[in-house]
Amino acid sequence: MNLDFLEGLDFLLDEHNQEPEQQPAEPAPAEPVPEPVPAPEAGRPREKREAQPKGGDWQKSLLLYAHDLLYLLAGLIVLMMLLPVVVVSGTSMTNTLQNGDYLLILSNIFYREPKYGDIIVASKDTFDNGAPIVKRVIATEGQTVDIDFDAGIVYVDGVALEEPYTRTATNIQEGVSFPLTVEEGCVFVMGDNRNGSRDSRYPGIGLIDKREIRGKVIFLFLPGRDDTTGKKDFGRIGVIG
């Protein structure tokens, strides 16, 4: 047998038995390196993250505040028109009211029909230059008032009134003649301190025209000083009925 031929076969067998060479692994991509942040220049502050208000923002805020204030003032004016405040002057309504009491009244915009027992505020040009007076309604139009000054009793349409709210009996006649029929559109009023009150018994006041009524007392929110003790009784604060 030809030895050269056998040697050639051995060479082929050797190549077949050899393992294929491994290819070198590709290197993993390198992570990106963040670029260095330049340090701020000396003497120069860093920029703030929050945006600075624009130059016109404070003008807008001022306009908004002015707008709100205007509406608030308008609301207060309307409230004072509908629910005005009156301060009691004098002792004609003692003990129900005291000198210096601050009262909230329902304006005549809403209060149109006075009735017996209402405490009203009115103004008479013929009395104290039209200063407000606070009195109690005793009779309304068409009713007849008569007073027994000796007994201190008030009669309306012949019926004696029960008046637990009075401080004294009605013993003083101020000049008006009785019996008296209340004219149309008017009311007859008196103070609860009967012997210390100028009211419809006095010719300078007389009957109160409804158009002279400013409103009805509905609430006492700040008491005056008691005319006897000189102290303020805050327990009196509340609705006036």
C-alpha atoms as a PDB file:
ATOM      1  CA  MET A   1       0.000   0.000   0.000  1.00  0.00           C
ATOM      2  CA  ASN A   2       1.120   3.453  -0.753  1.00  0.00           C
ATOM      3  CA  LEU A   3       2.347   5.071   2.507  1.00  0.00           C
ATOM      4  CA  ASP A   4       2.010   8.581   1.084  1.00  0.00           C
ATOM      5  CA  PHE A   5      -1.709   8.025   0.606  1.00  0.00           C
ATOM      6  CA  LEU A   6      -2.121   6.868   4.252  1.00  0.00           C
ATOM      7  CA  GLU A   7      -0.290   9.862   5.577  1.00  0.00           C
ATOM      8  CA  GLY A   8      -2.681  12.115   3.664  1.00  0.00           C
ATOM      9  CA  LEU A   9      -5.679  10.381   5.244  1.00  0.00           C
ATOM     10  CA  ASP A  10      -4.226  10.871   8.732  1.00  0.00           C
ATOM     11  CA  PHE A  11      -3.855  14.583   8.046  1.00  0.00           C
ATOM     12  CA  LEU A  12      -7.514  14.884   7.066  1.00  0.00           C
ATOM     13  CA  LEU A  13      -8.623  12.946  10.163  1.00  0.00           C
ATOM     14  CA  ASP A  14      -6.574  15.254  12.380  1.00  0.00           C
ATOM     15  CA  GLU A  15      -8.235  18.360  10.877  1.00  0.00           C
ATOM     16  CA  HIS A  16     -11.710  16.830  11.315  1.00  0.00           C
ATOM     17  CA  ASN A  17     -11.102  16.018  15.007  1.00  0.00           C
ATOM     18  CA  GLN A  18      -9.806  19.456  15.896  1.00  0.00           C
ATOM     19  CA  GLU A  19     -12.463  21.823  17.596  1.00  0.00           C
ATOM     20  CA  PRO A  20     -13.161  25.037  15.781  1.00  0.00           C
ATOM     21  CA  GLU A  21     -11.400  28.028  17.217  1.00  0.00           C
ATOM     22  CA  GLN A  22     -13.656  30.302  19.413  1.00  0.00           C
ATOM     23  CA  GLN A  23     -14.111  33.812  18.182  1.00  0.00           C
ATOM     24  CA  PRO A  24     -13.146  36.488  20.718  1.00  0.00           C
ATOM     25  CA  ALA A  25     -16.224  38.000  22.530  1.00  0.00           C
ATOM     26  CA  GLU A  26     -17.111  41.540  21.590  1.00  0.00           C
ATOM     27  CA  PRO A  27     -16.407  43.958  24.408  1.00  0.00           C
ATOM     28  CA  ALA A  28     -19.534  45.314  26.264  1.00  0.00           C
ATOM     29  CA  PRO A  29     -20.396  48.882  25.376  1.00  0.00           C
ATOM     30  CA  ALA A  30     -19.010  51.271  27.901  1.00  0.00           C
ATOM     31  CA  GLU A  31     -21.558  53.297  30.031  1.00  0.00           C
ATOM     32  CA  PRO A  32     -21.755  56.937  29.005  1.00  0.00           C
ATOM     33  CA  VAL A  33     -19.843  59.166  31.334  1.00  0.00           C
ATOM     34  CA  PRO A  34     -21.868  62.260  32.385  1.00  0.00           C
ATOM     35  CA  GLU A  35     -20.337  65.490  31.400  1.00  0.00           C
ATOM     36  CA  PRO A  36     -19.015  67.433  34.356  1.00  0.00           C
ATOM     37  CA  VAL A  37     -21.217  70.356  35.499  1.00  0.00           C
ATOM     38  CA  PRO A  38     -19.230  73.523  35.360  1.00  0.00           C
ATOM     39  CA  ALA A  39     -18.828  75.190  38.744  1.00  0.00           C
ATOM     40  CA  PRO A  40     -20.534  78.586  39.080  1.00  0.00           C
ATOM     41  CA  GLU A  41     -18.322  81.500  38.566  1.00  0.00           C
ATOM     42  CA  ALA A  42     -17.085  83.225  41.661  1.00  0.00           C
ATOM     43  CA  GLY A  43     -19.337  86.059  42.803  1.00  0.00           C
ATOM     44  CA  ARG A  44     -22.235  84.955  40.597  1.00  0.00           C
ATOM     45  CA  PRO A  45     -25.242  83.340  42.405  1.00  0.00           C
ATOM     46  CA  ARG A  46     -26.885  80.290  41.021  1.00  0.00           C
ATOM     47  CA  GLU A  47     -30.154  80.753  39.194  1.00  0.00           C
ATOM     48  CA  LYS A  48     -33.214  80.018  41.356  1.00  0.00           C
ATOM     49  CA  ARG A  49     -35.367  77.148  40.315  1.00  0.00           C
ATOM     50  CA  GLU A  50     -38.614  79.028  41.003  1.00  0.00           C
ATOM     51  CA  ALA A  51     -39.616  81.455  38.353  1.00  0.00           C
ATOM     52  CA  GLN A  52     -39.526  85.046  39.483  1.00  0.00           C
ATOM     53  CA  PRO A  53     -42.837  86.941  39.251  1.00  0.00           C
ATOM     54  CA  LYS A  54     -43.159  89.116  36.306  1.00  0.00           C
ATOM     55  CA  GLY A  55     -43.024  92.839  36.722  1.00  0.00           C
ATOM     56  CA  GLY A  56     -46.787  93.301  36.178  1.00  0.00           C
ATOM     57  CA  ASP A  57     -47.968  90.662  38.695  1.00  0.00           C
ATOM     58  CA  TRP A  58     -48.067  93.006  41.674  1.00  0.00           C
ATOM     59  CA  GLN A  59     -50.230  95.448  39.720  1.00  0.00           C
ATOM     60  CA  LYS A  60     -52.678  92.630  38.962  1.00  0.00           C
ATOM     61  CA  SER A  61     -52.739  91.600  42.636  1.00  0.00           C
ATOM     62  CA  LEU A  62     -53.365  95.186  43.674  1.00  0.00           C
ATOM     63  CA  LEU A  63     -56.271  95.457  41.241  1.00  0.00           C
ATOM     64  CA  LEU A  64     -57.773  92.217  42.586  1.00  0.00           C
ATOM     65  CA  TYR A  65     -57.534  93.466  46.174  1.00  0.00           C
ATOM     66  CA  ALA A  66     -59.102  96.780  45.182  1.00  0.00           C
ATOM     67  CA  HIS A  67     -61.878  94.922  43.360  1.00  0.00           C
ATOM     68  CA  ASP A  68     -62.634  92.768  46.429  1.00  0.00           C
ATOM     69  CA  LEU A  69     -62.510  95.795  48.735  1.00  0.00           C
ATOM     70  CA  LEU A  70     -64.975  97.644  46.528  1.00  0.00           C
ATOM     71  CA  TYR A  71     -67.450  94.768  46.692  1.00  0.00           C
ATOM     72  CA  LEU A  72     -67.001  94.547  50.468  1.00  0.00           C
ATOM     73  CA  LEU A  73     -67.708  98.247  50.919  1.00  0.00           C
ATOM     74  CA  ALA A  74     -70.738  98.028  48.640  1.00  0.00           C
ATOM     75  CA  GLY A  75     -72.056  95.105  50.697  1.00  0.00           C
ATOM     76  CA  LEU A  76     -71.576  97.026  53.948  1.00  0.00           C
ATOM     77  CA  ILE A  77     -73.406 100.048  52.538  1.00  0.00           C
ATOM     78  CA  VAL A  78     -76.349  97.894  51.462  1.00  0.00           C
ATOM     79  CA  LEU A  79     -76.382  96.168  54.877  1.00  0.00           C
ATOM     80  CA  MET A  80     -76.394  99.525  56.676  1.00  0.00           C
ATOM     81  CA  MET A  81     -79.287 100.670  54.505  1.00  0.00           C
ATOM     82  CA  LEU A  82     -81.339  97.567  55.261  1.00  0.00           C
ATOM     83  CA  LEU A  83     -80.263  97.137  58.906  1.00  0.00           C
ATOM     84  CA  PRO A  84     -79.126 100.535  60.220  1.00  0.00           C
ATOM     85  CA  VAL A  85     -77.763 101.078  63.727  1.00  0.00           C
ATOM     86  CA  VAL A  86     -79.253 103.492  66.253  1.00  0.00           C
ATOM     87  CA  VAL A  87     -77.960 104.477  69.695  1.00  0.00           C
ATOM     88  CA  VAL A  88     -80.489 105.109  72.448  1.00  0.00           C
ATOM     89  CA  SER A  89     -80.264 108.596  73.912  1.00  0.00           C
ATOM     90  CA  GLY A  90     -81.981 109.166  77.248  1.00  0.00           C
ATOM     91  CA  THR A  91     -84.002 107.038  79.644  1.00  0.00           C
ATOM     92  CA  SER A  92     -87.499 107.229  78.139  1.00  0.00           C
ATOM     93  CA  MET A  93     -87.466 103.464  77.366  1.00  0.00           C
ATOM     94  CA  THR A  94     -86.059 102.270  80.712  1.00  0.00           C
ATOM     95  CA  ASN A  95     -86.143  99.455  81.812  1.00  0.00           C
ATOM     96  CA  THR A  96     -86.541  97.841  78.399  1.00  0.00           C
ATOM     97  CA  LEU A  97     -83.727  99.884  76.897  1.00  0.00           C
ATOM     98  CA  GLN A  98     -80.954 101.888  78.514  1.00  0.00           C
ATOM     99  CA  ASN A  99     -79.207 105.078  77.564  1.00  0.00           C
ATOM    100  CA  GLY A 100     -76.323 104.170  75.256  1.00  0.00           C
ATOM    101  CA  ASP A 101     -77.757 100.887  73.971  1.00  0.00           C
ATOM    102  CA  TYR A 102     -76.719 100.071  70.394  1.00  0.00           C
ATOM    103  CA  LEU A 103     -79.665  98.783  68.422  1.00  0.00           C
ATOM    104  CA  LEU A 104     -80.054  97.120  65.056  1.00  0.00           C
ATOM    105  CA  ILE A 105     -83.258  98.131  63.299  1.00  0.00           C
ATOM    106  CA  LEU A 106     -85.176  96.697  60.382  1.00  0.00           C
ATOM    107  CA  SER A 107     -85.356  99.503  57.834  1.00  0.00           C
ATOM    108  CA  ASN A 108     -88.676 100.924  56.688  1.00  0.00           C
ATOM    109  CA  ILE A 109     -87.780  99.473  53.284  1.00  0.00           C
ATOM    110  CA  PHE A 110     -89.184  96.230  54.702  1.00  0.00           C
ATOM    111  CA  TYR A 111     -91.056  97.419  57.795  1.00  0.00           C
ATOM    112  CA  ARG A 112     -94.307  98.982  56.577  1.00  0.00           C
ATOM    113  CA  GLU A 113     -97.098  97.933  58.970  1.00  0.00           C
ATOM    114  CA  PRO A 114     -96.469  98.834  62.627  1.00  0.00           C
ATOM    115  CA  LYS A 115     -98.505  96.982  65.227  1.00  0.00           C
ATOM    116  CA  TYR A 116     -99.087  97.191  68.945  1.00  0.00           C
ATOM    117  CA  GLY A 117     -96.001  96.434  71.015  1.00  0.00           C
ATOM    118  CA  ASP A 118     -93.421  97.155  68.279  1.00  0.00           C
ATOM    119  CA  ILE A 119     -90.497  99.314  69.379  1.00  0.00           C
ATOM    120  CA  ILE A 120     -89.807 101.750  66.575  1.00  0.00           C
ATOM    121  CA  VAL A 121     -87.356 104.495  65.669  1.00  0.00           C
ATOM    122  CA  ALA A 122     -88.885 107.664  64.233  1.00  0.00           C
ATOM    123  CA  SER A 123     -87.903 111.230  63.420  1.00  0.00           C
ATOM    124  CA  LYS A 124     -90.126 114.266  63.942  1.00  0.00           C
ATOM    125  CA  ASP A 125     -89.073 117.582  62.468  1.00  0.00           C
ATOM    126  CA  THR A 126     -91.069 119.274  65.246  1.00  0.00           C
ATOM    127  CA  PHE A 127     -89.048 117.577  67.996  1.00  0.00           C
ATOM    128  CA  ASP A 128     -85.321 117.882  68.707  1.00  0.00           C
ATOM    129  CA  ASN A 129     -84.512 118.907  65.119  1.00  0.00           C
ATOM    130  CA  GLY A 130     -85.539 115.524  63.772  1.00  0.00           C
ATOM    131  CA  ALA A 131     -83.223 113.479  66.006  1.00  0.00           C
ATOM    132  CA  PRO A 132     -84.247 109.790  66.158  1.00  0.00           C
ATOM    133  CA  ILE A 133     -86.578 108.822  68.989  1.00  0.00           C
ATOM    134  CA  VAL A 134     -87.206 105.277  70.216  1.00  0.00           C
ATOM    135  CA  LYS A 135     -90.751 104.499  71.404  1.00  0.00           C
ATOM    136  CA  ARG A 136     -93.293 101.687  71.688  1.00  0.00           C
ATOM    137  CA  VAL A 137     -96.376 101.506  69.471  1.00  0.00           C
ATOM    138  CA  ILE A 138     -99.523 101.641  71.628  1.00  0.00           C
ATOM    139  CA  ALA A 139    -102.238 102.081  68.995  1.00  0.00           C
ATOM    140  CA  THR A 140    -102.550 102.160  65.217  1.00  0.00           C
ATOM    141  CA  GLU A 141    -104.802 104.001  62.774  1.00  0.00           C
ATOM    142  CA  GLY A 142    -108.498 103.995  63.618  1.00  0.00           C
ATOM    143  CA  GLN A 143    -107.998 102.941  67.244  1.00  0.00           C
ATOM    144  CA  THR A 144    -109.004 105.189  70.129  1.00  0.00           C
ATOM    145  CA  VAL A 145    -106.640 105.834  73.026  1.00  0.00           C
ATOM    146  CA  ASP A 146    -107.810 106.971  76.445  1.00  0.00           C
ATOM    147  CA  ILE A 147    -105.747 107.339  79.612  1.00  0.00           C
ATOM    148  CA  ASP A 148    -106.828 107.426  83.251  1.00  0.00           C
ATOM    149  CA  PHE A 149    -103.956 109.509  84.617  1.00  0.00           C
ATOM    150  CA  ASP A 150    -105.092 109.109  88.217  1.00  0.00           C
ATOM    151  CA  ALA A 151    -105.010 105.326  88.020  1.00  0.00           C
ATOM    152  CA  GLY A 152    -102.173 105.304  85.489  1.00  0.00           C
ATOM    153  CA  ILE A 153    -104.070 102.986  83.124  1.00  0.00           C
ATOM    154  CA  VAL A 154    -104.071 103.156  79.306  1.00  0.00           C
ATOM    155  CA  TYR A 155    -107.123 102.058  77.341  1.00  0.00           C
ATOM    156  CA  VAL A 156    -107.263 101.190  73.630  1.00  0.00           C
ATOM    157  CA  ASP A 157    -110.758 100.886  72.179  1.00  0.00           C
ATOM    158  CA  GLY A 158    -112.102 100.749  75.734  1.00  0.00           C
ATOM    159  CA  VAL A 159    -109.876  97.842  76.832  1.00  0.00           C
ATOM    160  CA  ALA A 160    -107.285  98.377  79.573  1.00  0.00           C
ATOM    161  CA  LEU A 161    -103.820  97.393  78.431  1.00  0.00           C
ATOM    162  CA  GLU A 162    -101.669  94.985  80.421  1.00  0.00           C
ATOM    163  CA  GLU A 163     -98.244  96.597  80.274  1.00  0.00           C
ATOM    164  CA  PRO A 164     -95.596  94.601  82.171  1.00  0.00           C
ATOM    165  CA  TYR A 165     -92.883  96.375  80.168  1.00  0.00           C
ATOM    166  CA  THR A 166     -93.483  99.794  81.782  1.00  0.00           C
ATOM    167  CA  ARG A 167     -91.242 101.164  84.505  1.00  0.00           C
ATOM    168  CA  THR A 168     -93.904 103.436  85.957  1.00  0.00           C
ATOM    169  CA  ALA A 169     -97.633 103.906  85.613  1.00  0.00           C
ATOM    170  CA  THR A 170     -98.932 106.534  83.170  1.00  0.00           C
ATOM    171  CA  ASN A 171     -99.649 109.427  85.514  1.00  0.00           C
ATOM    172  CA  ILE A 172     -98.338 112.459  83.639  1.00  0.00           C
ATOM    173  CA  GLN A 173    -100.361 114.308  81.025  1.00  0.00           C
ATOM    174  CA  GLU A 174     -98.160 116.190  78.564  1.00  0.00           C
ATOM    175  CA  GLY A 175    -100.800 118.404  76.917  1.00  0.00           C
ATOM    176  CA  VAL A 176    -102.666 116.228  74.408  1.00  0.00           C
ATOM    177  CA  SER A 177    -106.355 115.726  75.139  1.00  0.00           C
ATOM    178  CA  PHE A 178    -107.908 112.260  75.493  1.00  0.00           C
ATOM    179  CA  PRO A 179    -109.704 110.211  74.289  1.00  0.00           C
ATOM    180  CA  LEU A 180    -107.834 110.419  70.982  1.00  0.00           C
ATOM    181  CA  THR A 181    -108.561 108.537  67.769  1.00  0.00           C
ATOM    182  CA  VAL A 182    -105.427 107.723  65.764  1.00  0.00           C
ATOM    183  CA  GLU A 183    -105.557 109.249  62.302  1.00  0.00           C
ATOM    184  CA  GLU A 184    -105.136 107.260  59.099  1.00  0.00           C
ATOM    185  CA  GLY A 185    -101.524 106.477  58.288  1.00  0.00           C
ATOM    186  CA  CYS A 186    -100.363 107.241  61.843  1.00  0.00           C
ATOM    187  CA  VAL A 187     -99.509 105.494  65.117  1.00  0.00           C
ATOM    188  CA  PHE A 188     -99.665 106.492  68.779  1.00  0.00           C
ATOM    189  CA  VAL A 189     -96.446 105.826  70.710  1.00  0.00           C
ATOM    190  CA  MET A 190     -95.177 106.077  74.282  1.00  0.00           C
ATOM    191  CA  GLY A 191     -91.972 105.365  76.162  1.00  0.00           C
ATOM    192  CA  ASP A 192     -91.834 102.515  78.676  1.00  0.00           C
ATOM    193  CA  ASN A 193     -90.637 104.937  81.354  1.00  0.00           C
ATOM    194  CA  ARG A 194     -94.021 106.661  81.318  1.00  0.00           C
ATOM    195  CA  ASN A 195     -93.276 109.436  83.788  1.00  0.00           C
ATOM    196  CA  GLY A 196     -89.960 110.231  82.126  1.00  0.00           C
ATOM    197  CA  SER A 197     -90.824 110.189  78.428  1.00  0.00           C
ATOM    198  CA  ARG A 198     -91.782 112.725  75.778  1.00  0.00           C
ATOM    199  CA  ASP A 199     -94.047 110.855  73.354  1.00  0.00           C
ATOM    200  CA  SER A 200     -97.451 111.072  71.664  1.00  0.00           C
ATOM    201  CA  ARG A 201     -98.875 112.680  74.835  1.00  0.00           C
ATOM    202  CA  TYR A 202     -96.653 115.678  74.099  1.00  0.00           C
ATOM    203  CA  PRO A 203     -97.909 118.158  71.439  1.00  0.00           C
ATOM    204  CA  GLY A 204     -94.412 118.585  70.004  1.00  0.00           C
ATOM    205  CA  ILE A 205     -94.465 114.903  68.987  1.00  0.00           C
ATOM    206  CA  GLY A 206     -98.120 113.853  68.838  1.00  0.00           C
ATOM    207  CA  LEU A 207     -99.084 111.122  66.398  1.00  0.00           C
ATOM    208  CA  ILE A 208     -96.278 109.564  64.346  1.00  0.00           C
ATOM    209  CA  ASP A 209     -96.855 109.435  60.613  1.00  0.00           C
ATOM    210  CA  LYS A 210     -95.776 106.086  59.158  1.00  0.00           C
ATOM    211  CA  ARG A 211     -93.555 107.996  56.741  1.00  0.00           C
ATOM    212  CA  GLU A 212     -91.649 109.323  59.772  1.00  0.00           C
ATOM    213  CA  ILE A 213     -90.818 105.812  60.967  1.00  0.00           C
ATOM    214  CA  ARG A 214     -87.242 104.794  60.164  1.00  0.00           C
ATOM    215  CA  GLY A 215     -87.615 101.182  61.207  1.00  0.00           C
ATOM    216  CA  LYS A 216     -88.352  98.622  63.886  1.00  0.00           C
ATOM    217  CA  VAL A 217     -85.886  97.689  66.636  1.00  0.00           C
ATOM    218  CA  ILE A 218     -84.995  94.012  66.293  1.00  0.00           C
ATOM    219  CA  PHE A 219     -81.702  93.437  68.129  1.00  0.00           C
ATOM    220  CA  LEU A 220     -79.615  94.885  70.952  1.00  0.00           C
ATOM    221  CA  PHE A 221     -75.960  94.120  70.226  1.00  0.00           C
ATOM    222  CA  LEU A 222     -74.112  96.416  72.648  1.00  0.00           C
ATOM    223  CA  PRO A 223     -75.630  97.455  75.998  1.00  0.00           C
ATOM    224  CA  GLY A 224     -75.362 100.868  77.560  1.00  0.00           C
ATOM    225  CA  ARG A 225     -74.802 101.459  81.254  1.00  0.00           C
ATOM    226  CA  ASP A 226     -77.621 100.873  83.688  1.00  0.00           C
ATOM    227  CA  ASP A 227     -78.909 104.227  84.946  1.00  0.00           C
ATOM    228  CA  THR A 228     -78.936 102.892  88.527  1.00  0.00           C
ATOM    229  CA  THR A 229     -75.809 100.721  88.845  1.00  0.00           C
ATOM    230  CA  GLY A 230     -73.735 102.395  86.118  1.00  0.00           C
ATOM    231  CA  LYS A 231     -72.697  98.944  84.844  1.00  0.00           C
ATOM    232  CA  LYS A 232     -73.209  97.231  81.494  1.00  0.00           C
ATOM    233  CA  ASP A 233     -75.308  94.088  81.544  1.00  0.00           C
ATOM    234  CA  PHE A 234     -74.135  92.004  78.579  1.00  0.00           C
ATOM    235  CA  GLY A 235     -76.849  89.475  79.340  1.00  0.00           C
ATOM    236  CA  ARG A 236     -79.290  91.940  77.779  1.00  0.00           C
ATOM    237  CA  ILE A 237     -77.796  91.347  74.327  1.00  0.00           C
ATOM    238  CA  GLY A 238     -80.327  89.702  72.081  1.00  0.00           C
ATOM    239  CA  VAL A 239     -83.531  89.983  70.093  1.00  0.00           C
ATOM    240  CA  ILE A 240     -85.938  92.773  71.021  1.00  0.00           C
ATOM    241  CA  GLY A 241     -89.513  91.571  70.792  1.00  0.00           C
END
